[in-house]
Protein backbone atom coordinates (compact mmCIF):
# COMPACT_ATOMS: atom_id res chain seq x y z
CA MET A 1 394.30 122.28 15.81
CA ASP A 2 397.88 123.33 16.27
CA LYS A 3 398.66 126.23 13.94
CA ASN A 4 402.40 125.40 13.90
CA ILE A 5 401.72 121.86 12.67
CA ILE A 6 399.29 123.12 10.02
CA ALA A 7 401.78 125.75 8.81
CA LEU A 8 404.58 123.16 8.60
CA GLN A 9 402.44 120.59 6.78
CA GLU A 10 401.32 123.15 4.21
CA LYS A 11 404.88 124.40 3.74
CA GLU A 12 405.91 120.81 3.02
CA ASN A 13 402.87 120.02 0.84
CA ASP A 14 404.18 117.98 -2.08
CA GLY A 15 401.65 119.27 -4.60
CA GLN A 16 399.53 116.12 -4.34
CA SER A 17 397.96 116.41 -0.90
CA ILE A 18 394.79 117.93 0.48
CA MET A 19 394.86 117.98 4.27
CA LEU A 20 391.66 118.73 6.16
CA TYR A 21 391.36 119.55 9.86
CA TYR A 22 388.08 119.27 11.77
CA ASP A 23 386.85 122.31 13.69
CA ALA A 24 384.44 120.97 16.31
CA MET A 25 383.13 124.41 17.26
CA ALA A 26 381.97 125.16 13.72
CA GLY A 27 381.33 121.54 12.68
CA VAL A 28 383.30 121.89 9.45
CA TYR A 29 386.58 120.68 8.00
CA LEU A 30 389.18 123.30 7.19
CA ALA A 31 391.88 123.23 4.53
CA TYR A 32 394.67 125.81 4.55
CA GLY A 33 397.12 127.12 1.98
CA LEU A 34 397.82 124.75 -0.90
CA SER A 35 395.31 122.24 0.46
CA ALA A 36 392.61 124.92 0.25
CA TYR A 37 393.71 125.78 -3.29
CA TYR A 38 393.66 122.15 -4.42
CA SER A 39 390.26 121.58 -2.79
CA THR A 40 388.74 124.26 -5.05
CA LEU A 41 389.73 122.17 -8.07
CA VAL A 42 387.37 119.40 -6.92
CA THR A 43 384.58 121.17 -5.02
CA ASP A 44 383.34 124.68 -4.23
CA PRO A 45 384.09 125.40 -0.55
CA TYR A 46 383.56 128.69 1.23
CA LEU A 47 386.85 130.62 1.17
CA SER A 48 388.30 133.00 3.70
CA PHE A 49 391.72 134.05 4.96
CA SER A 50 393.31 132.87 8.21
CA GLU A 51 394.87 135.87 9.91
CA ALA A 52 396.57 133.58 12.44
CA LEU A 53 398.26 131.48 9.74
CA GLN A 54 398.48 134.18 7.06
CA MET A 55 397.11 131.89 4.35
CA PRO A 56 393.79 131.15 2.67
CA VAL A 57 391.40 128.78 4.38
CA ALA A 58 388.62 126.71 2.82
CA LEU A 59 385.62 125.73 4.94
CA LEU A 60 384.24 122.38 3.81
CA ARG A 61 380.85 121.04 4.81
CA ARG A 62 379.91 117.38 4.61
CA ASN A 63 378.91 117.60 0.93
CA HIS A 64 382.30 119.12 0.05
CA VAL A 65 384.13 116.32 1.86
CA ASN A 66 381.95 113.79 0.02
CA ASP A 67 383.00 115.39 -3.30
CA LEU A 68 386.65 114.88 -2.30
CA ARG A 69 385.98 111.30 -1.17
CA GLN A 70 384.38 110.44 -4.51
CA SER A 71 387.07 112.09 -6.64
CA LEU A 72 390.33 111.45 -4.78
CA THR A 73 392.22 108.73 -2.97
CA LYS A 74 391.79 108.87 0.79
CA VAL A 75 395.14 108.31 2.48
CA GLU A 76 394.31 108.91 6.11
CA HIS A 77 391.20 109.62 8.15
CA THR A 78 390.60 110.08 11.84
CA ILE A 79 386.89 110.68 12.51
CA LYS A 80 386.19 114.31 13.42
CA THR A 81 389.91 115.09 13.49
CA SER A 82 391.46 115.03 10.03
CA TYR A 83 391.48 113.72 6.47
CA VAL A 84 394.34 113.46 4.00
CA PHE A 85 393.57 113.01 0.30
CA ARG A 86 395.97 112.43 -2.59
CA LEU A 87 395.55 113.91 -6.03
CA ARG A 88 396.39 111.65 -8.95
CA TYR A 89 399.09 114.01 -10.22
CA ALA A 90 401.27 116.61 -8.55
CA LEU A 91 399.88 120.04 -9.34
CA GLY A 92 402.60 122.20 -7.85
CA SER A 93 401.89 125.74 -6.77
CA GLU A 94 401.62 127.48 -10.13
CA GLY A 95 398.72 129.92 -9.89
CA TYR A 96 398.55 129.64 -6.10
CA GLU A 97 400.01 133.09 -5.32
CA LYS A 98 397.53 134.88 -7.60
CA TRP A 99 394.64 132.87 -6.17
CA ALA A 100 395.78 133.50 -2.56
CA LYS A 101 395.99 137.26 -3.22
CA LYS A 102 392.45 137.24 -4.60
CA VAL A 103 391.19 135.41 -1.48
CA LEU A 104 393.01 137.89 0.78
CA ASP A 105 391.65 140.90 -1.13
CA ARG A 106 388.09 139.56 -0.79
CA HIS A 107 388.69 138.95 2.92
CA LEU A 108 389.88 142.51 3.46
CA THR A 109 386.75 144.01 1.86
CA VAL A 110 384.45 142.45 4.47
C-alpha cells in the first residue's frame, strides 16, 4: 500500500466512495479518512489512527466487508488488493472532523 496514493485518493474522495486496501500481514482490509468514516455508517469496524497518514483508519474483517457488499454498490474489486464501493448519495464531510478528533483522542489514550 502506497501511503501517497491513499492520501491523494482520500483527499479527492467525492463523498460517495469507500475505498478499502488489503493488508496481507494482518489479513484485513483498511479504510482511511473519509472512507473509514463512511464505513462506520454501514458496519462497525475497529477504529484506530494512522500516524503515518495522519488520519483515522478502520480495520475491516471479512464480515465487515460482507456488510458493505450487501448494502452498497461494488465499483471495483481486485482480490486481496482493494475494493471500491459507492454510496447511493453523496454524504460530504459534515461531521467528519469531530469524528476524526474523537478517534485520534481515543488512539492517544492507549
